[in-house]
Amino acid sequence: MTENTLNLRGLKCPLPALRTRKALGGLRPGDILIVECTDPLAALDIPNLLNQTGDTLVETRKEKKLLTFRIQKKQ
């Protein structure tokens, strides 16, 4: 199991969701992807994306304008 960080700070909708989808496609089952976003719409887009892909949202954090999503690739 590996852990990768995807820095999407400064990107606007729909780019954070599109780049997250692409990054998830390159992971192995059980891998962790940490996504860092500043677009407030990512708070809706990323969970909706995961509902489509079946991957697991392990944790969401918000610190000032930074949204951090911890995602586990489905087994």
PDB file of N, CA and C in Angstrom:
ATOM      1  N   MET A   1       0.849  -1.179   0.000  1.00  0.00           N
ATOM      2  CA  MET A   1       0.000   0.000   0.000  1.00  0.00           C
ATOM      3  C   MET A   1       0.891   1.236   0.000  1.00  0.00           C
ATOM      4  N   THR A   2       0.615   2.144  -0.908  1.00  0.00           N
ATOM      5  CA  THR A   2       1.364   3.397  -0.972  1.00  0.00           C
ATOM      6  C   THR A   2       0.440   4.568  -0.680  1.00  0.00           C
ATOM      7  N   GLU A   3       1.062   5.699  -0.373  1.00  0.00           N
ATOM      8  CA  GLU A   3       0.313   6.919  -0.104  1.00  0.00           C
ATOM      9  C   GLU A   3       0.872   8.016  -1.006  1.00  0.00           C
ATOM     10  N   ASN A   4       0.010   8.655  -1.781  1.00  0.00           N
ATOM     11  CA  ASN A   4       0.402   9.709  -2.707  1.00  0.00           C
ATOM     12  C   ASN A   4      -0.360  10.981  -2.380  1.00  0.00           C
ATOM     13  N   THR A   5       0.288  12.130  -2.587  1.00  0.00           N
ATOM     14  CA  THR A   5      -0.365  13.420  -2.377  1.00  0.00           C
ATOM     15  C   THR A   5      -0.516  14.125  -3.713  1.00  0.00           C
ATOM     16  N   LEU A   6      -1.715  14.642  -3.944  1.00  0.00           N
ATOM     17  CA  LEU A   6      -2.041  15.355  -5.173  1.00  0.00           C
ATOM     18  C   LEU A   6      -2.341  16.810  -4.806  1.00  0.00           C
ATOM     19  N   ASN A   7      -1.472  17.737  -5.239  1.00  0.00           N
ATOM     20  CA  ASN A   7      -1.633  19.150  -4.926  1.00  0.00           C
ATOM     21  C   ASN A   7      -2.458  19.806  -6.033  1.00  0.00           C
ATOM     22  N   LEU A   8      -3.706  20.131  -5.723  1.00  0.00           N
ATOM     23  CA  LEU A   8      -4.606  20.770  -6.685  1.00  0.00           C
ATOM     24  C   LEU A   8      -4.983  22.177  -6.245  1.00  0.00           C
ATOM     25  N   ARG A   9      -4.126  22.772  -5.430  1.00  0.00           N
ATOM     26  CA  ARG A   9      -4.380  24.132  -4.928  1.00  0.00           C
ATOM     27  C   ARG A   9      -4.418  25.115  -6.089  1.00  0.00           C
ATOM     28  N   GLY A  10      -5.415  25.981  -6.074  1.00  0.00           N
ATOM     29  CA  GLY A  10      -5.539  27.012  -7.090  1.00  0.00           C
ATOM     30  C   GLY A  10      -6.358  26.604  -8.311  1.00  0.00           C
ATOM     31  N   LEU A  11      -6.649  25.321  -8.472  1.00  0.00           N
ATOM     32  CA  LEU A  11      -7.449  24.872  -9.613  1.00  0.00           C
ATOM     33  C   LEU A  11      -8.931  25.054  -9.315  1.00  0.00           C
ATOM     34  N   LYS A  12      -9.688  25.414 -10.324  1.00  0.00           N
ATOM     35  CA  LYS A  12     -11.130  25.636 -10.194  1.00  0.00           C
ATOM     36  C   LYS A  12     -11.916  24.477 -10.786  1.00  0.00           C
ATOM     37  N   CYS A  13     -13.149  24.354 -10.340  1.00  0.00           N
ATOM     38  CA  CYS A  13     -14.085  23.340 -10.815  1.00  0.00           C
ATOM     39  C   CYS A  13     -14.152  23.366 -12.339  1.00  0.00           C
ATOM     40  N   PRO A  14     -14.113  22.257 -12.988  1.00  0.00           N
ATOM     41  CA  PRO A  14     -14.168  20.867 -12.532  1.00  0.00           C
ATOM     42  C   PRO A  14     -12.801  20.196 -12.441  1.00  0.00           C
ATOM     43  N   LEU A  15     -11.701  20.958 -12.572  1.00  0.00           N
ATOM     44  CA  LEU A  15     -10.368  20.350 -12.624  1.00  0.00           C
ATOM     45  C   LEU A  15     -10.000  19.495 -11.408  1.00  0.00           C
ATOM     46  N   PRO A  16     -10.300  19.909 -10.153  1.00  0.00           N
ATOM     47  CA  PRO A  16      -9.936  19.034  -9.040  1.00  0.00           C
ATOM     48  C   PRO A  16     -10.573  17.638  -9.137  1.00  0.00           C
ATOM     49  N   ALA A  17     -11.835  17.572  -9.492  1.00  0.00           N
ATOM     50  CA  ALA A  17     -12.497  16.264  -9.608  1.00  0.00           C
ATOM     51  C   ALA A  17     -11.927  15.461 -10.776  1.00  0.00           C
ATOM     52  N   LEU A  18     -11.672  16.105 -11.899  1.00  0.00           N
ATOM     53  CA  LEU A  18     -11.135  15.406 -13.066  1.00  0.00           C
ATOM     54  C   LEU A  18      -9.734  14.857 -12.796  1.00  0.00           C
ATOM     55  N   ARG A  19      -8.903  15.660 -12.161  1.00  0.00           N
ATOM     56  CA  ARG A  19      -7.534  15.212 -11.867  1.00  0.00           C
ATOM     57  C   ARG A  19      -7.525  14.133 -10.779  1.00  0.00           C
ATOM     58  N   THR A  20      -8.459  14.229  -9.841  1.00  0.00           N
ATOM     59  CA  THR A  20      -8.571  13.182  -8.818  1.00  0.00           C
ATOM     60  C   THR A  20      -8.975  11.867  -9.463  1.00  0.00           C
ATOM     61  N   ARG A  21      -9.931  11.903 -10.379  1.00  0.00           N
ATOM     62  CA  ARG A  21     -10.362  10.689 -11.085  1.00  0.00           C
ATOM     63  C   ARG A  21      -9.186  10.059 -11.831  1.00  0.00           C
ATOM     64  N   LYS A  22      -8.417  10.887 -12.516  1.00  0.00           N
ATOM     65  CA  LYS A  22      -7.273  10.388 -13.273  1.00  0.00           C
ATOM     66  C   LYS A  22      -6.230   9.763 -12.341  1.00  0.00           C
ATOM     67  N   ALA A  23      -5.959  10.420 -11.217  1.00  0.00           N
ATOM     68  CA  ALA A  23      -4.977   9.905 -10.264  1.00  0.00           C
ATOM     69  C   ALA A  23      -5.442   8.580  -9.659  1.00  0.00           C
ATOM     70  N   LEU A  24      -6.725   8.460  -9.355  1.00  0.00           N
ATOM     71  CA  LEU A  24      -7.257   7.221  -8.796  1.00  0.00           C
ATOM     72  C   LEU A  24      -7.116   6.065  -9.786  1.00  0.00           C
ATOM     73  N   GLY A  25      -7.213   6.376 -11.072  1.00  0.00           N
ATOM     74  CA  GLY A  25      -7.084   5.345 -12.094  1.00  0.00           C
ATOM     75  C   GLY A  25      -5.713   4.698 -12.118  1.00  0.00           C
ATOM     76  N   GLY A  26      -4.696   5.409 -11.638  1.00  0.00           N
ATOM     77  CA  GLY A  26      -3.337   4.879 -11.636  1.00  0.00           C
ATOM     78  C   GLY A  26      -2.929   4.191 -10.348  1.00  0.00           C
ATOM     79  N   LEU A  27      -3.847   4.073  -9.399  1.00  0.00           N
ATOM     80  CA  LEU A  27      -3.519   3.463  -8.107  1.00  0.00           C
ATOM     81  C   LEU A  27      -3.908   1.992  -8.059  1.00  0.00           C
ATOM     82  N   ARG A  28      -3.264   1.276  -7.152  1.00  0.00           N
ATOM     83  CA  ARG A  28      -3.614  -0.124  -6.894  1.00  0.00           C
ATOM     84  C   ARG A  28      -4.641  -0.181  -5.759  1.00  0.00           C
ATOM     85  N   PRO A  29      -5.424  -1.238  -5.699  1.00  0.00           N
ATOM     86  CA  PRO A  29      -6.395  -1.375  -4.607  1.00  0.00           C
ATOM     87  C   PRO A  29      -5.722  -1.243  -3.235  1.00  0.00           C
ATOM     88  N   GLY A  30      -6.341  -0.448  -2.376  1.00  0.00           N
ATOM     89  CA  GLY A  30      -5.826  -0.234  -1.029  1.00  0.00           C
ATOM     90  C   GLY A  30      -4.911   0.976  -0.906  1.00  0.00           C
ATOM     91  N   ASP A  31      -4.410   1.499  -2.022  1.00  0.00           N
ATOM     92  CA  ASP A  31      -3.552   2.684  -1.980  1.00  0.00           C
ATOM     93  C   ASP A  31      -4.335   3.885  -1.464  1.00  0.00           C
ATOM     94  N   ILE A  32      -3.605   4.844  -0.898  1.00  0.00           N
ATOM     95  CA  ILE A  32      -4.194   6.060  -0.344  1.00  0.00           C
ATOM     96  C   ILE A  32      -3.801   7.247  -1.220  1.00  0.00           C
ATOM     97  N   LEU A  33      -4.779   8.093  -1.533  1.00  0.00           N
ATOM     98  CA  LEU A  33      -4.543   9.333  -2.260  1.00  0.00           C
ATOM     99  C   LEU A  33      -4.977  10.487  -1.363  1.00  0.00           C
ATOM    100  N   ILE A  34      -4.057  11.418  -1.119  1.00  0.00           N
ATOM    101  CA  ILE A  34      -4.370  12.620  -0.357  1.00  0.00           C
ATOM    102  C   ILE A  34      -4.496  13.759  -1.351  1.00  0.00           C
ATOM    103  N   VAL A  35      -5.670  14.379  -1.403  1.00  0.00           N
ATOM    104  CA  VAL A  35      -5.954  15.440  -2.366  1.00  0.00           C
ATOM    105  C   VAL A  35      -6.079  16.760  -1.612  1.00  0.00           C
ATOM    106  N   GLU A  36      -5.289  17.748  -2.028  1.00  0.00           N
ATOM    107  CA  GLU A  36      -5.330  19.078  -1.411  1.00  0.00           C
ATOM    108  C   GLU A  36      -5.921  20.061  -2.414  1.00  0.00           C
ATOM    109  N   CYS A  37      -7.027  20.728  -2.029  1.00  0.00           N
ATOM    110  CA  CYS A  37      -7.745  21.649  -2.919  1.00  0.00           C
ATOM    111  C   CYS A  37      -8.033  22.964  -2.199  1.00  0.00           C
ATOM    112  N   THR A  38      -8.171  24.015  -2.991  1.00  0.00           N
ATOM    113  CA  THR A  38      -8.615  25.298  -2.437  1.00  0.00           C
ATOM    114  C   THR A  38      -9.969  25.720  -3.004  1.00  0.00           C
ATOM    115  N   ASP A  39     -10.469  24.998  -3.992  1.00  0.00           N
ATOM    116  CA  ASP A  39     -11.770  25.308  -4.593  1.00  0.00           C
ATOM    117  C   ASP A  39     -12.883  24.824  -3.653  1.00  0.00           C
ATOM    118  N   PRO A  40     -13.738  25.726  -3.154  1.00  0.00           N
ATOM    119  CA  PRO A  40     -14.787  25.311  -2.222  1.00  0.00           C
ATOM    120  C   PRO A  40     -15.765  24.297  -2.818  1.00  0.00           C
ATOM    121  N   LEU A  41     -15.943  24.285  -4.139  1.00  0.00           N
ATOM    122  CA  LEU A  41     -16.847  23.320  -4.757  1.00  0.00           C
ATOM    123  C   LEU A  41     -16.312  21.888  -4.689  1.00  0.00           C
ATOM    124  N   ALA A  42     -15.034  21.741  -4.427  1.00  0.00           N
ATOM    125  CA  ALA A  42     -14.456  20.406  -4.282  1.00  0.00           C
ATOM    126  C   ALA A  42     -15.089  19.662  -3.102  1.00  0.00           C
ATOM    127  N   ALA A  43     -15.597  20.400  -2.116  1.00  0.00           N
ATOM    128  CA  ALA A  43     -16.261  19.771  -0.971  1.00  0.00           C
ATOM    129  C   ALA A  43     -17.489  18.986  -1.414  1.00  0.00           C
ATOM    130  N   LEU A  44     -18.078  19.356  -2.544  1.00  0.00           N
ATOM    131  CA  LEU A  44     -19.212  18.621  -3.111  1.00  0.00           C
ATOM    132  C   LEU A  44     -18.757  17.657  -4.206  1.00  0.00           C
ATOM    133  N   ASP A  45     -17.840  18.133  -5.049  1.00  0.00           N
ATOM    134  CA  ASP A  45     -17.435  17.361  -6.225  1.00  0.00           C
ATOM    135  C   ASP A  45     -16.673  16.083  -5.893  1.00  0.00           C
ATOM    136  N   ILE A  46     -15.750  16.151  -4.950  1.00  0.00           N
ATOM    137  CA  ILE A  46     -14.933  14.970  -4.640  1.00  0.00           C
ATOM    138  C   ILE A  46     -15.790  13.851  -4.034  1.00  0.00           C
ATOM    139  N   PRO A  47     -16.628  14.121  -3.018  1.00  0.00           N
ATOM    140  CA  PRO A  47     -17.491  13.042  -2.514  1.00  0.00           C
ATOM    141  C   PRO A  47     -18.425  12.475  -3.590  1.00  0.00           C
ATOM    142  N   ASN A  48     -18.959  13.331  -4.479  1.00  0.00           N
ATOM    143  CA  ASN A  48     -19.814  12.834  -5.560  1.00  0.00           C
ATOM    144  C   ASN A  48     -19.027  11.946  -6.516  1.00  0.00           C
ATOM    145  N   LEU A  49     -17.800  12.314  -6.807  1.00  0.00           N
ATOM    146  CA  LEU A  49     -16.936  11.487  -7.647  1.00  0.00           C
ATOM    147  C   LEU A  49     -16.730  10.115  -7.012  1.00  0.00           C
ATOM    148  N   LEU A  50     -16.482  10.090  -5.722  1.00  0.00           N
ATOM    149  CA  LEU A  50     -16.228   8.823  -5.033  1.00  0.00           C
ATOM    150  C   LEU A  50     -17.473   7.948  -4.979  1.00  0.00           C
ATOM    151  N   ASN A  51     -18.643   8.557  -4.961  1.00  0.00           N
ATOM    152  CA  ASN A  51     -19.877   7.777  -5.050  1.00  0.00           C
ATOM    153  C   ASN A  51     -19.956   7.055  -6.390  1.00  0.00           C
ATOM    154  N   GLN A  52     -19.420   7.672  -7.435  1.00  0.00           N
ATOM    155  CA  GLN A  52     -19.417   7.061  -8.762  1.00  0.00           C
ATOM    156  C   GLN A  52     -18.354   5.974  -8.890  1.00  0.00           C
ATOM    157  N   THR A  53     -17.167   6.222  -8.331  1.00  0.00           N
ATOM    158  CA  THR A  53     -16.048   5.284  -8.507  1.00  0.00           C
ATOM    159  C   THR A  53     -16.076   4.132  -7.511  1.00  0.00           C
ATOM    160  N   GLY A  54     -16.734   4.336  -6.374  1.00  0.00           N
ATOM    161  CA  GLY A  54     -16.770   3.294  -5.350  1.00  0.00           C
ATOM    162  C   GLY A  54     -15.590   3.339  -4.401  1.00  0.00           C
ATOM    163  N   ASP A  55     -14.700   4.325  -4.571  1.00  0.00           N
ATOM    164  CA  ASP A  55     -13.562   4.470  -3.663  1.00  0.00           C
ATOM    165  C   ASP A  55     -14.048   5.070  -2.345  1.00  0.00           C
ATOM    166  N   THR A  56     -13.228   4.960  -1.288  1.00  0.00           N
ATOM    167  CA  THR A  56     -13.642   5.330   0.058  1.00  0.00           C
ATOM    168  C   THR A  56     -13.042   6.658   0.498  1.00  0.00           C
ATOM    169  N   LEU A  57     -13.902   7.565   0.947  1.00  0.00           N
ATOM    170  CA  LEU A  57     -13.441   8.809   1.549  1.00  0.00           C
ATOM    171  C   LEU A  57     -13.170   8.522   3.022  1.00  0.00           C
ATOM    172  N   VAL A  58     -11.901   8.454   3.366  1.00  0.00           N
ATOM    173  CA  VAL A  58     -11.493   8.093   4.727  1.00  0.00           C
ATOM    174  C   VAL A  58     -11.612   9.289   5.659  1.00  0.00           C
ATOM    175  N   GLU A  59     -11.223  10.470   5.157  1.00  0.00           N
ATOM    176  CA  GLU A  59     -11.217  11.663   6.006  1.00  0.00           C
ATOM    177  C   GLU A  59     -11.298  12.915   5.144  1.00  0.00           C
ATOM    178  N   THR A  60     -11.988  13.922   5.665  1.00  0.00           N
ATOM    179  CA  THR A  60     -12.016  15.245   5.046  1.00  0.00           C
ATOM    180  C   THR A  60     -11.635  16.252   6.113  1.00  0.00           C
ATOM    181  N   ARG A  61     -10.718  17.149   5.767  1.00  0.00           N
ATOM    182  CA  ARG A  61     -10.329  18.209   6.699  1.00  0.00           C
ATOM    183  C   ARG A  61     -10.419  19.553   6.001  1.00  0.00           C
ATOM    184  N   LYS A  62     -10.774  20.573   6.770  1.00  0.00           N
ATOM    185  CA  LYS A  62     -10.780  21.938   6.245  1.00  0.00           C
ATOM    186  C   LYS A  62      -9.997  22.812   7.210  1.00  0.00           C
ATOM    187  N   GLU A  63      -8.954  23.430   6.684  1.00  0.00           N
ATOM    188  CA  GLU A  63      -8.136  24.352   7.469  1.00  0.00           C
ATOM    189  C   GLU A  63      -8.050  25.651   6.687  1.00  0.00           C
ATOM    190  N   LYS A  64      -8.733  26.668   7.176  1.00  0.00           N
ATOM    191  CA  LYS A  64      -8.871  27.943   6.471  1.00  0.00           C
ATOM    192  C   LYS A  64      -9.445  27.674   5.089  1.00  0.00           C
ATOM    193  N   LYS A  65      -8.685  27.906   4.016  1.00  0.00           N
ATOM    194  CA  LYS A  65      -9.222  27.688   2.670  1.00  0.00           C
ATOM    195  C   LYS A  65      -8.778  26.365   2.061  1.00  0.00           C
ATOM    196  N   LEU A  66      -8.000  25.583   2.795  1.00  0.00           N
ATOM    197  CA  LEU A  66      -7.476  24.327   2.268  1.00  0.00           C
ATOM    198  C   LEU A  66      -8.380  23.157   2.641  1.00  0.00           C
ATOM    199  N   LEU A  67      -8.844  22.442   1.624  1.00  0.00           N
ATOM    200  CA  LEU A  67      -9.614  21.211   1.820  1.00  0.00           C
ATOM    201  C   LEU A  67      -8.676  20.039   1.548  1.00  0.00           C
ATOM    202  N   THR A  68      -8.656  19.078   2.461  1.00  0.00           N
ATOM    203  CA  THR A  68      -7.815  17.898   2.292  1.00  0.00           C
ATOM    204  C   THR A  68      -8.693  16.660   2.371  1.00  0.00           C
ATOM    205  N   PHE A  69      -8.607  15.826   1.337  1.00  0.00           N
ATOM    206  CA  PHE A  69      -9.369  14.591   1.278  1.00  0.00           C
ATOM    207  C   PHE A  69      -8.396  13.415   1.314  1.00  0.00           C
ATOM    208  N   ARG A  70      -8.680  12.469   2.185  1.00  0.00           N
ATOM    209  CA  ARG A  70      -7.896  11.223   2.251  1.00  0.00           C
ATOM    210  C   ARG A  70      -8.772  10.130   1.668  1.00  0.00           C
ATOM    211  N   ILE A  71      -8.341   9.566   0.550  1.00  0.00           N
ATOM    212  CA  ILE A  71      -9.155   8.608  -0.224  1.00  0.00           C
ATOM    213  C   ILE A  71      -8.414   7.286  -0.328  1.00  0.00           C
ATOM    214  N   GLN A  72      -9.150   6.200  -0.099  1.00  0.00           N
ATOM    215  CA  GLN A  72      -8.575   4.862  -0.282  1.00  0.00           C
ATOM    216  C   GLN A  72      -9.169   4.227  -1.531  1.00  0.00           C
ATOM    217  N   LYS A  73      -8.295   3.773  -2.404  1.00  0.00           N
ATOM    218  CA  LYS A  73      -8.714   3.084  -3.638  1.00  0.00           C
ATOM    219  C   LYS A  73      -9.449   1.807  -3.242  1.00  0.00           C
ATOM    220  N   LYS A  74     -10.574   1.566  -3.913  1.00  0.00           N
ATOM    221  CA  LYS A  74     -11.393   0.393  -3.550  1.00  0.00           C
ATOM    222  C   LYS A  74     -10.593  -0.891  -3.703  1.00  0.00           C
ATOM    223  N   GLN A  75     -10.899  -1.819  -2.828  1.00  0.00           N
ATOM    224  CA  GLN A  75     -10.199  -3.113  -2.780  1.00  0.00           C
ATOM    225  C   GLN A  75     -10.590  -4.009  -3.920  1.00  0.00           C
TER     226      GLN A  75
END
